[in-house]
PDB file of N, CA and C in Angstrom:
ATOM      1  N   MET A   1      19.106   9.014 -27.400  1.00  0.00           N
ATOM      2  CA  MET A   1      18.193   9.955 -26.799  1.00  0.00           C
ATOM      3  C   MET A   1      18.998  11.142 -26.267  1.00  0.00           C
ATOM      4  N   ARG A   2      18.419  12.316 -26.380  1.00  0.00           N
ATOM      5  CA  ARG A   2      19.041  13.525 -25.844  1.00  0.00           C
ATOM      6  C   ARG A   2      18.218  13.954 -24.627  1.00  0.00           C
ATOM      7  N   PRO A   3      18.653  13.534 -23.413  1.00  0.00           N
ATOM      8  CA  PRO A   3      17.874  13.877 -22.218  1.00  0.00           C
ATOM      9  C   PRO A   3      18.010  15.354 -21.869  1.00  0.00           C
ATOM     10  N   ARG A   4      17.038  15.840 -21.087  1.00  0.00           N
ATOM     11  CA  ARG A   4      17.088  17.226 -20.603  1.00  0.00           C
ATOM     12  C   ARG A   4      16.683  17.230 -19.132  1.00  0.00           C
ATOM     13  N   VAL A   5      17.155  18.190 -18.397  1.00  0.00           N
ATOM     14  CA  VAL A   5      16.856  18.296 -16.964  1.00  0.00           C
ATOM     15  C   VAL A   5      15.352  18.415 -16.764  1.00  0.00           C
ATOM     16  N   GLY A   6      14.822  17.617 -15.836  1.00  0.00           N
ATOM     17  CA  GLY A   6      13.398  17.626 -15.541  1.00  0.00           C
ATOM     18  C   GLY A   6      12.593  16.622 -16.342  1.00  0.00           C
ATOM     19  N   GLN A   7      13.212  16.009 -17.324  1.00  0.00           N
ATOM     20  CA  GLN A   7      12.512  15.031 -18.160  1.00  0.00           C
ATOM     21  C   GLN A   7      12.222  13.765 -17.356  1.00  0.00           C
ATOM     22  N   MET A   8      11.023  13.225 -17.535  1.00  0.00           N
ATOM     23  CA  MET A   8      10.649  11.979 -16.870  1.00  0.00           C
ATOM     24  C   MET A   8      10.807  10.836 -17.860  1.00  0.00           C
ATOM     25  N   LEU A   9      11.500   9.782 -17.419  1.00  0.00           N
ATOM     26  CA  LEU A   9      11.718   8.605 -18.253  1.00  0.00           C
ATOM     27  C   LEU A   9      11.118   7.391 -17.571  1.00  0.00           C
ATOM     28  N   ALA A  10      10.575   6.474 -18.371  1.00  0.00           N
ATOM     29  CA  ALA A  10       9.978   5.256 -17.836  1.00  0.00           C
ATOM     30  C   ALA A  10      10.564   4.047 -18.550  1.00  0.00           C
ATOM     31  N   SER A  11      10.710   2.970 -17.804  1.00  0.00           N
ATOM     32  CA  SER A  11      11.214   1.719 -18.349  1.00  0.00           C
ATOM     33  C   SER A  11      10.158   1.069 -19.242  1.00  0.00           C
ATOM     34  N   THR A  12      10.622   0.329 -20.238  1.00  0.00           N
ATOM     35  CA  THR A  12       9.712  -0.416 -21.104  1.00  0.00           C
ATOM     36  C   THR A  12       9.674  -1.896 -20.727  1.00  0.00           C
ATOM     37  N   VAL A  13      10.405  -2.278 -19.653  1.00  0.00           N
ATOM     38  CA  VAL A  13      10.422  -3.681 -19.234  1.00  0.00           C
ATOM     39  C   VAL A  13       9.889  -3.901 -17.819  1.00  0.00           C
ATOM     40  N   ASP A  14       9.741  -2.837 -17.040  1.00  0.00           N
ATOM     41  CA  ASP A  14       9.210  -2.962 -15.679  1.00  0.00           C
ATOM     42  C   ASP A  14       8.590  -1.642 -15.243  1.00  0.00           C
ATOM     43  N   THR A  15       8.424  -1.449 -13.945  1.00  0.00           N
ATOM     44  CA  THR A  15       7.738  -0.265 -13.420  1.00  0.00           C
ATOM     45  C   THR A  15       8.660   0.915 -13.116  1.00  0.00           C
ATOM     46  N   THR A  16       9.942   0.799 -13.358  1.00  0.00           N
ATOM     47  CA  THR A  16      10.898   1.852 -13.024  1.00  0.00           C
ATOM     48  C   THR A  16      10.600   3.154 -13.762  1.00  0.00           C
ATOM     49  N   ALA A  17      10.667   4.262 -13.013  1.00  0.00           N
ATOM     50  CA  ALA A  17      10.534   5.606 -13.597  1.00  0.00           C
ATOM     51  C   ALA A  17      11.559   6.504 -12.916  1.00  0.00           C
ATOM     52  N   VAL A  18      12.141   7.418 -13.677  1.00  0.00           N
ATOM     53  CA  VAL A  18      13.155   8.329 -13.154  1.00  0.00           C
ATOM     54  C   VAL A  18      12.915   9.734 -13.675  1.00  0.00           C
ATOM     55  N   VAL A  19      13.538  10.703 -12.991  1.00  0.00           N
ATOM     56  CA  VAL A  19      13.561  12.091 -13.435  1.00  0.00           C
ATOM     57  C   VAL A  19      15.027  12.445 -13.659  1.00  0.00           C
ATOM     58  N   VAL A  20      15.327  13.112 -14.761  1.00  0.00           N
ATOM     59  CA  VAL A  20      16.690  13.538 -15.058  1.00  0.00           C
ATOM     60  C   VAL A  20      16.991  14.770 -14.200  1.00  0.00           C
ATOM     61  N   VAL A  21      17.981  14.654 -13.320  1.00  0.00           N
ATOM     62  CA  VAL A  21      18.362  15.753 -12.427  1.00  0.00           C
ATOM     63  C   VAL A  21      19.485  16.576 -13.047  1.00  0.00           C
ATOM     64  N   ARG A  22      20.418  15.890 -13.692  1.00  0.00           N
ATOM     65  CA  ARG A  22      21.574  16.549 -14.304  1.00  0.00           C
ATOM     66  C   ARG A  22      21.969  15.739 -15.527  1.00  0.00           C
ATOM     67  N   CYS A  23      22.321  16.413 -16.613  1.00  0.00           N
ATOM     68  CA  CYS A  23      22.728  15.686 -17.809  1.00  0.00           C
ATOM     69  C   CYS A  23      23.618  16.558 -18.686  1.00  0.00           C
ATOM     70  N   PRO A  24      24.484  15.918 -19.473  1.00  0.00           N
ATOM     71  CA  PRO A  24      25.311  16.663 -20.412  1.00  0.00           C
ATOM     72  C   PRO A  24      24.512  16.997 -21.667  1.00  0.00           C
ATOM     73  N   ASP A  25      25.060  17.847 -22.496  1.00  0.00           N
ATOM     74  CA  ASP A  25      24.408  18.195 -23.754  1.00  0.00           C
ATOM     75  C   ASP A  25      24.911  17.225 -24.817  1.00  0.00           C
ATOM     76  N   GLY A  26      24.104  16.234 -25.129  1.00  0.00           N
ATOM     77  CA  GLY A  26      24.499  15.253 -26.136  1.00  0.00           C
ATOM     78  C   GLY A  26      23.641  14.020 -26.059  1.00  0.00           C
ATOM     79  N   GLU A  27      23.896  13.108 -26.975  1.00  0.00           N
ATOM     80  CA  GLU A  27      23.146  11.858 -27.057  1.00  0.00           C
ATOM     81  C   GLU A  27      23.663  10.862 -26.023  1.00  0.00           C
ATOM     82  N   LEU A  28      22.735  10.226 -25.296  1.00  0.00           N
ATOM     83  CA  LEU A  28      23.075   9.205 -24.314  1.00  0.00           C
ATOM     84  C   LEU A  28      22.148   8.008 -24.504  1.00  0.00           C
ATOM     85  N   ASP A  29      22.659   6.833 -24.176  1.00  0.00           N
ATOM     86  CA  ASP A  29      21.856   5.615 -24.233  1.00  0.00           C
ATOM     87  C   ASP A  29      21.519   5.216 -22.799  1.00  0.00           C
ATOM     88  N   ILE A  30      20.357   5.667 -22.300  1.00  0.00           N
ATOM     89  CA  ILE A  30      19.917   5.366 -20.939  1.00  0.00           C
ATOM     90  C   ILE A  30      18.977   4.169 -21.011  1.00  0.00           C
ATOM     91  N   THR A  31      19.334   3.106 -20.277  1.00  0.00           N
ATOM     92  CA  THR A  31      18.540   1.882 -20.314  1.00  0.00           C
ATOM     93  C   THR A  31      18.121   1.453 -18.915  1.00  0.00           C
ATOM     94  N   CYS A  32      17.124   0.584 -18.876  1.00  0.00           N
ATOM     95  CA  CYS A  32      16.685  -0.044 -17.635  1.00  0.00           C
ATOM     96  C   CYS A  32      16.370  -1.497 -17.969  1.00  0.00           C
ATOM     97  N   GLY A  33      17.039  -2.409 -17.300  1.00  0.00           N
ATOM     98  CA  GLY A  33      16.835  -3.825 -17.582  1.00  0.00           C
ATOM     99  C   GLY A  33      17.334  -4.226 -18.954  1.00  0.00           C
ATOM    100  N   GLY A  34      18.248  -3.440 -19.516  1.00  0.00           N
ATOM    101  CA  GLY A  34      18.810  -3.741 -20.825  1.00  0.00           C
ATOM    102  C   GLY A  34      18.028  -3.177 -21.994  1.00  0.00           C
ATOM    103  N   ALA A  35      16.897  -2.517 -21.741  1.00  0.00           N
ATOM    104  CA  ALA A  35      16.078  -1.929 -22.811  1.00  0.00           C
ATOM    105  C   ALA A  35      16.059  -0.409 -22.659  1.00  0.00           C
ATOM    106  N   ALA A  36      16.006   0.286 -23.779  1.00  0.00           N
ATOM    107  CA  ALA A  36      16.009   1.752 -23.769  1.00  0.00           C
ATOM    108  C   ALA A  36      14.798   2.288 -23.014  1.00  0.00           C
ATOM    109  N   MET A  37      15.022   3.368 -22.263  1.00  0.00           N
ATOM    110  CA  MET A  37      13.922   4.011 -21.540  1.00  0.00           C
ATOM    111  C   MET A  37      13.211   4.962 -22.500  1.00  0.00           C
ATOM    112  N   ALA A  38      11.916   5.172 -22.233  1.00  0.00           N
ATOM    113  CA  ALA A  38      11.104   6.043 -23.074  1.00  0.00           C
ATOM    114  C   ALA A  38      10.637   7.242 -22.259  1.00  0.00           C
ATOM    115  N   GLU A  39      10.344   8.339 -22.955  1.00  0.00           N
ATOM    116  CA  GLU A  39       9.816   9.520 -22.270  1.00  0.00           C
ATOM    117  C   GLU A  39       8.449   9.162 -21.696  1.00  0.00           C
ATOM    118  N   ALA A  40       8.233   9.518 -20.437  1.00  0.00           N
ATOM    119  CA  ALA A  40       6.983   9.185 -19.746  1.00  0.00           C
ATOM    120  C   ALA A  40       5.967  10.281 -20.012  1.00  0.00           C
ATOM    121  N   ASN A  41       4.960   9.973 -20.779  1.00  0.00           N
ATOM    122  CA  ASN A  41       3.857  10.896 -21.041  1.00  0.00           C
ATOM    123  C   ASN A  41       2.617  10.318 -20.383  1.00  0.00           C
ATOM    124  N   GLY A  42       2.060  11.017 -19.433  1.00  0.00           N
ATOM    125  CA  GLY A  42       0.880  10.510 -18.729  1.00  0.00           C
ATOM    126  C   GLY A  42       1.266   9.403 -17.767  1.00  0.00           C
ATOM    127  N   PRO A  43       0.530   8.282 -17.775  1.00  0.00           N
ATOM    128  CA  PRO A  43       0.802   7.209 -16.829  1.00  0.00           C
ATOM    129  C   PRO A  43       2.064   6.428 -17.131  1.00  0.00           C
ATOM    130  N   GLY A  44       2.659   6.600 -18.294  1.00  0.00           N
ATOM    131  CA  GLY A  44       3.882   5.897 -18.641  1.00  0.00           C
ATOM    132  C   GLY A  44       3.604   4.755 -19.596  1.00  0.00           C
ATOM    133  N   PRO A  45       4.638   4.327 -20.326  1.00  0.00           N
ATOM    134  CA  PRO A  45       4.444   3.259 -21.289  1.00  0.00           C
ATOM    135  C   PRO A  45       4.245   1.914 -20.604  1.00  0.00           C
ATOM    136  N   ALA A  46       3.551   1.034 -21.272  1.00  0.00           N
ATOM    137  CA  ALA A  46       3.355  -0.320 -20.741  1.00  0.00           C
ATOM    138  C   ALA A  46       4.666  -1.087 -20.861  1.00  0.00           C
ATOM    139  N   ALA A  47       4.834  -2.076 -20.008  1.00  0.00           N
ATOM    140  CA  ALA A  47       6.034  -2.911 -20.028  1.00  0.00           C
ATOM    141  C   ALA A  47       5.952  -3.851 -21.228  1.00  0.00           C
ATOM    142  N   THR A  48       6.479  -3.402 -22.368  1.00  0.00           N
ATOM    143  CA  THR A  48       6.389  -4.174 -23.599  1.00  0.00           C
ATOM    144  C   THR A  48       7.730  -4.675 -24.089  1.00  0.00           C
ATOM    145  N   GLY A  49       8.835  -4.210 -23.511  1.00  0.00           N
ATOM    146  CA  GLY A  49      10.161  -4.610 -23.954  1.00  0.00           C
ATOM    147  C   GLY A  49      10.576  -5.946 -23.363  1.00  0.00           C
ATOM    148  N   THR A  50      11.723  -6.426 -23.824  1.00  0.00           N
ATOM    149  CA  THR A  50      12.280  -7.668 -23.320  1.00  0.00           C
ATOM    150  C   THR A  50      13.479  -7.329 -22.444  1.00  0.00           C
ATOM    151  N   ALA A  51      13.450  -7.814 -21.212  1.00  0.00           N
ATOM    152  CA  ALA A  51      14.514  -7.518 -20.259  1.00  0.00           C
ATOM    153  C   ALA A  51      15.702  -8.454 -20.450  1.00  0.00           C
ATOM    154  N   ASP A  52      16.889  -7.933 -20.166  1.00  0.00           N
ATOM    155  CA  ASP A  52      18.113  -8.726 -20.147  1.00  0.00           C
ATOM    156  C   ASP A  52      18.259  -9.272 -18.730  1.00  0.00           C
ATOM    157  N   PRO A  53      18.270 -10.591 -18.532  1.00  0.00           N
ATOM    158  CA  PRO A  53      18.350 -11.173 -17.182  1.00  0.00           C
ATOM    159  C   PRO A  53      19.572 -10.699 -16.383  1.00  0.00           C
ATOM    160  N   ASP A  54      20.657 -10.326 -17.072  1.00  0.00           N
ATOM    161  CA  ASP A  54      21.854  -9.839 -16.383  1.00  0.00           C
ATOM    162  C   ASP A  54      21.705  -8.395 -15.910  1.00  0.00           C
ATOM    163  N   GLN A  55      20.661  -7.710 -16.368  1.00  0.00           N
ATOM    164  CA  GLN A  55      20.432  -6.304 -16.018  1.00  0.00           C
ATOM    165  C   GLN A  55      19.206  -6.147 -15.117  1.00  0.00           C
ATOM    166  N   MET A  56      18.950  -7.124 -14.267  1.00  0.00           N
ATOM    167  CA  MET A  56      17.757  -7.079 -13.417  1.00  0.00           C
ATOM    168  C   MET A  56      18.144  -7.014 -11.934  1.00  0.00           C
ATOM    169  N   GLY A  57      18.988  -6.042 -11.594  1.00  0.00           N
ATOM    170  CA  GLY A  57      19.432  -5.873 -10.213  1.00  0.00           C
ATOM    171  C   GLY A  57      18.506  -5.011  -9.374  1.00  0.00           C
ATOM    172  N   GLY A  58      17.595  -4.301 -10.025  1.00  0.00           N
ATOM    173  CA  GLY A  58      16.627  -3.478  -9.310  1.00  0.00           C
ATOM    174  C   GLY A  58      17.054  -2.032  -9.169  1.00  0.00           C
ATOM    175  N   SER A  59      16.067  -1.173  -8.973  1.00  0.00           N
ATOM    176  CA  SER A  59      16.287   0.249  -8.711  1.00  0.00           C
ATOM    177  C   SER A  59      15.449   0.615  -7.495  1.00  0.00           C
ATOM    178  N   LEU A  60      15.956   1.543  -6.699  1.00  0.00           N
ATOM    179  CA  LEU A  60      15.342   1.871  -5.416  1.00  0.00           C
ATOM    180  C   LEU A  60      14.674   3.243  -5.423  1.00  0.00           C
ATOM    181  N   LEU A  61      13.477   3.306  -4.849  1.00  0.00           N
ATOM    182  CA  LEU A  61      12.698   4.531  -4.765  1.00  0.00           C
ATOM    183  C   LEU A  61      13.449   5.613  -4.000  1.00  0.00           C
ATOM    184  N   GLY A  62      13.491   6.815  -4.556  1.00  0.00           N
ATOM    185  CA  GLY A  62      14.082   7.963  -3.883  1.00  0.00           C
ATOM    186  C   GLY A  62      15.593   8.034  -3.934  1.00  0.00           C
ATOM    187  N   LYS A  63      16.239   7.082  -4.560  1.00  0.00           N
ATOM    188  CA  LYS A  63      17.701   7.072  -4.654  1.00  0.00           C
ATOM    189  C   LYS A  63      18.150   7.745  -5.939  1.00  0.00           C
ATOM    190  N   ARG A  64      19.340   8.324  -5.875  1.00  0.00           N
ATOM    191  CA  ARG A  64      19.925   8.975  -7.040  1.00  0.00           C
ATOM    192  C   ARG A  64      21.003   8.069  -7.620  1.00  0.00           C
ATOM    193  N   TYR A  65      20.980   7.951  -8.924  1.00  0.00           N
ATOM    194  CA  TYR A  65      21.964   7.166  -9.653  1.00  0.00           C
ATOM    195  C   TYR A  65      22.750   8.137 -10.519  1.00  0.00           C
ATOM    196  N   ALA A  66      24.093   8.061 -10.460  1.00  0.00           N
ATOM    197  CA  ALA A  66      24.895   9.072 -11.150  1.00  0.00           C
ATOM    198  C   ALA A  66      26.124   8.475 -11.814  1.00  0.00           C
ATOM    199  N   ASP A  67      26.522   9.112 -12.904  1.00  0.00           N
ATOM    200  CA  ASP A  67      27.773   8.826 -13.595  1.00  0.00           C
ATOM    201  C   ASP A  67      28.508  10.156 -13.665  1.00  0.00           C
ATOM    202  N   GLU A  68      29.498  10.317 -12.786  1.00  0.00           N
ATOM    203  CA  GLU A  68      30.216  11.592 -12.702  1.00  0.00           C
ATOM    204  C   GLU A  68      31.036  11.873 -13.960  1.00  0.00           C
ATOM    205  N   GLU A  69      31.537  10.828 -14.614  1.00  0.00           N
ATOM    206  CA  GLU A  69      32.344  11.002 -15.817  1.00  0.00           C
ATOM    207  C   GLU A  69      31.549  11.670 -16.942  1.00  0.00           C
ATOM    208  N   HIS A  70      30.301  11.258 -17.112  1.00  0.00           N
ATOM    209  CA  HIS A  70      29.454  11.822 -18.156  1.00  0.00           C
ATOM    210  C   HIS A  70      28.590  12.976 -17.655  1.00  0.00           C
ATOM    211  N   GLY A  71      28.489  13.151 -16.339  1.00  0.00           N
ATOM    212  CA  GLY A  71      27.678  14.240 -15.786  1.00  0.00           C
ATOM    213  C   GLY A  71      26.192  13.953 -15.797  1.00  0.00           C
ATOM    214  N   LEU A  72      25.812  12.671 -15.626  1.00  0.00           N
ATOM    215  CA  LEU A  72      24.404  12.291 -15.619  1.00  0.00           C
ATOM    216  C   LEU A  72      23.965  11.936 -14.201  1.00  0.00           C
ATOM    217  N   GLU A  73      22.791  12.409 -13.817  1.00  0.00           N
ATOM    218  CA  GLU A  73      22.212  12.059 -12.516  1.00  0.00           C
ATOM    219  C   GLU A  73      20.716  11.839 -12.694  1.00  0.00           C
ATOM    220  N   LEU A  74      20.228  10.698 -12.193  1.00  0.00           N
ATOM    221  CA  LEU A  74      18.817  10.341 -12.279  1.00  0.00           C
ATOM    222  C   LEU A  74      18.263  10.118 -10.883  1.00  0.00           C
ATOM    223  N   LEU A  75      17.019  10.541 -10.649  1.00  0.00           N
ATOM    224  CA  LEU A  75      16.325  10.315  -9.390  1.00  0.00           C
ATOM    225  C   LEU A  75      15.208   9.312  -9.650  1.00  0.00           C
ATOM    226  N   CYS A  76      15.227   8.194  -8.922  1.00  0.00           N
ATOM    227  CA  CYS A  76      14.225   7.142  -9.114  1.00  0.00           C
ATOM    228  C   CYS A  76      12.921   7.538  -8.422  1.00  0.00           C
ATOM    229  N   THR A  77      11.835   7.654  -9.210  1.00  0.00           N
ATOM    230  CA  THR A  77      10.536   8.040  -8.664  1.00  0.00           C
ATOM    231  C   THR A  77       9.587   6.849  -8.529  1.00  0.00           C
ATOM    232  N   LYS A  78       9.888   5.746  -9.211  1.00  0.00           N
ATOM    233  CA  LYS A  78       9.135   4.498  -9.069  1.00  0.00           C
ATOM    234  C   LYS A  78      10.148   3.364  -9.149  1.00  0.00           C
ATOM    235  N   PRO A  79      10.178   2.492  -8.144  1.00  0.00           N
ATOM    236  CA  PRO A  79      11.147   1.395  -8.163  1.00  0.00           C
ATOM    237  C   PRO A  79      10.730   0.296  -9.137  1.00  0.00           C
ATOM    238  N   GLY A  80      11.689  -0.546  -9.473  1.00  0.00           N
ATOM    239  CA  GLY A  80      11.408  -1.662 -10.365  1.00  0.00           C
ATOM    240  C   GLY A  80      12.508  -2.704 -10.294  1.00  0.00           C
ATOM    241  N   GLN A  81      12.382  -3.726 -11.104  1.00  0.00           N
ATOM    242  CA  GLN A  81      13.339  -4.833 -11.107  1.00  0.00           C
ATOM    243  C   GLN A  81      14.570  -4.568 -11.964  1.00  0.00           C
ATOM    244  N   GLY A  82      14.473  -3.637 -12.915  1.00  0.00           N
ATOM    245  CA  GLY A  82      15.570  -3.383 -13.853  1.00  0.00           C
ATOM    246  C   GLY A  82      16.692  -2.550 -13.270  1.00  0.00           C
ATOM    247  N   THR A  83      17.894  -2.764 -13.797  1.00  0.00           N
ATOM    248  CA  THR A  83      19.069  -1.993 -13.420  1.00  0.00           C
ATOM    249  C   THR A  83      19.196  -0.805 -14.358  1.00  0.00           C
ATOM    250  N   LEU A  84      19.369   0.397 -13.807  1.00  0.00           N
ATOM    251  CA  LEU A  84      19.581   1.596 -14.621  1.00  0.00           C
ATOM    252  C   LEU A  84      21.011   1.583 -15.146  1.00  0.00           C
ATOM    253  N   ALA A  85      21.178   1.901 -16.424  1.00  0.00           N
ATOM    254  CA  ALA A  85      22.508   1.878 -17.026  1.00  0.00           C
ATOM    255  C   ALA A  85      22.663   3.010 -18.026  1.00  0.00           C
ATOM    256  N   LEU A  86      23.904   3.414 -18.224  1.00  0.00           N
ATOM    257  CA  LEU A  86      24.257   4.437 -19.204  1.00  0.00           C
ATOM    258  C   LEU A  86      25.248   3.819 -20.164  1.00  0.00           C
ATOM    259  N   ASN A  87      24.905   3.791 -21.445  1.00  0.00           N
ATOM    260  CA  ASN A  87      25.763   3.206 -22.477  1.00  0.00           C
ATOM    261  C   ASN A  87      26.168   1.776 -22.130  1.00  0.00           C
ATOM    262  N   GLY A  88      25.252   1.009 -21.527  1.00  0.00           N
ATOM    263  CA  GLY A  88      25.500  -0.391 -21.194  1.00  0.00           C
ATOM    264  C   GLY A  88      26.199  -0.636 -19.868  1.00  0.00           C
ATOM    265  N   VAL A  89      26.604   0.422 -19.176  1.00  0.00           N
ATOM    266  CA  VAL A  89      27.304   0.290 -17.891  1.00  0.00           C
ATOM    267  C   VAL A  89      26.333   0.651 -16.763  1.00  0.00           C
ATOM    268  N   PRO A  90      26.106  -0.262 -15.797  1.00  0.00           N
ATOM    269  CA  PRO A  90      25.175   0.030 -14.699  1.00  0.00           C
ATOM    270  C   PRO A  90      25.558   1.306 -13.948  1.00  0.00           C
ATOM    271  N   LEU A  91      24.548   2.115 -13.636  1.00  0.00           N
ATOM    272  CA  LEU A  91      24.773   3.359 -12.889  1.00  0.00           C
ATOM    273  C   LEU A  91      24.862   3.050 -11.390  1.00  0.00           C
ATOM    274  N   PRO A  92      25.900   3.541 -10.721  1.00  0.00           N
ATOM    275  CA  PRO A  92      26.002   3.327  -9.279  1.00  0.00           C
ATOM    276  C   PRO A  92      25.111   4.306  -8.510  1.00  0.00           C
ATOM    277  N   LEU A  93      24.763   3.913  -7.285  1.00  0.00           N
ATOM    278  CA  LEU A  93      24.033   4.817  -6.392  1.00  0.00           C
ATOM    279  C   LEU A  93      24.939   5.986  -6.049  1.00  0.00           C
ATOM    280  N   LYS A  94      24.376   7.169  -6.022  1.00  0.00           N
ATOM    281  CA  LYS A  94      25.154   8.344  -5.639  1.00  0.00           C
ATOM    282  C   LYS A  94      25.250   8.360  -4.123  1.00  0.00           C
ATOM    283  N   SER A  95      26.451   8.527  -3.616  1.00  0.00           N
ATOM    284  CA  SER A  95      26.634   8.533  -2.162  1.00  0.00           C
ATOM    285  C   SER A  95      26.188   9.869  -1.578  1.00  0.00           C
ATOM    286  N   ALA A  96      25.716   9.811  -0.345  1.00  0.00           N
ATOM    287  CA  ALA A  96      25.251  11.015   0.344  1.00  0.00           C
ATOM    288  C   ALA A  96      26.440  11.895   0.722  1.00  0.00           C
ATOM    289  N   LYS A  97      26.208  13.201   0.695  1.00  0.00           N
ATOM    290  CA  LYS A  97      27.255  14.126   1.113  1.00  0.00           C
ATOM    291  C   LYS A  97      27.355  14.091   2.631  1.00  0.00           C
ATOM    292  N   PRO A  98      28.572  14.058   3.166  1.00  0.00           N
ATOM    293  CA  PRO A  98      28.706  14.058   4.610  1.00  0.00           C
ATOM    294  C   PRO A  98      28.296  15.422   5.192  1.00  0.00           C
ATOM    295  N   LEU A  99      27.612  15.368   6.309  1.00  0.00           N
ATOM    296  CA  LEU A  99      27.200  16.604   6.976  1.00  0.00           C
ATOM    297  C   LEU A  99      28.376  17.209   7.714  1.00  0.00           C
ATOM    298  N   PRO A 100      28.430  18.536   7.803  1.00  0.00           N
ATOM    299  CA  PRO A 100      29.523  19.154   8.535  1.00  0.00           C
ATOM    300  C   PRO A 100      29.433  18.836  10.021  1.00  0.00           C
ATOM    301  N   ALA A 101      30.573  18.704  10.628  1.00  0.00           N
ATOM    302  CA  ALA A 101      30.611  18.429  12.060  1.00  0.00           C
ATOM    303  C   ALA A 101      30.204  19.656  12.838  1.00  0.00           C
ATOM    304  N   SER A 102      29.456  19.462  13.894  1.00  0.00           N
ATOM    305  CA  SER A 102      29.068  20.589  14.733  1.00  0.00           C
ATOM    306  C   SER A 102      29.812  20.466  16.049  1.00  0.00           C
ATOM    307  N   ASP A 103      30.870  21.217  16.145  1.00  0.00           N
ATOM    308  CA  ASP A 103      31.706  21.164  17.350  1.00  0.00           C
ATOM    309  C   ASP A 103      31.335  22.246  18.328  1.00  0.00           C
TER     310      ASP A 103
END
């Protein structure tokens, strides 16, 4: 899949949905629960895929998942049981930027 900024993706194995915040120009394999994510048109695709039990760590509402090496960032808009992954590697939560000290 060739993601683009602003694209909405939905899981085919659970209720997870994300928005692409940042992405490189090229083909990426973005999965949730071990199954490829699909473009969300309307209410989103039904959960018809088969989940990988090892990829069911969950995704959290409002959290950003990022891979700095590839330049991918996803914002979770609907939580679910599946783990978000890029090319088979689980995406870590993006850490918050520290606020400047006010002295």
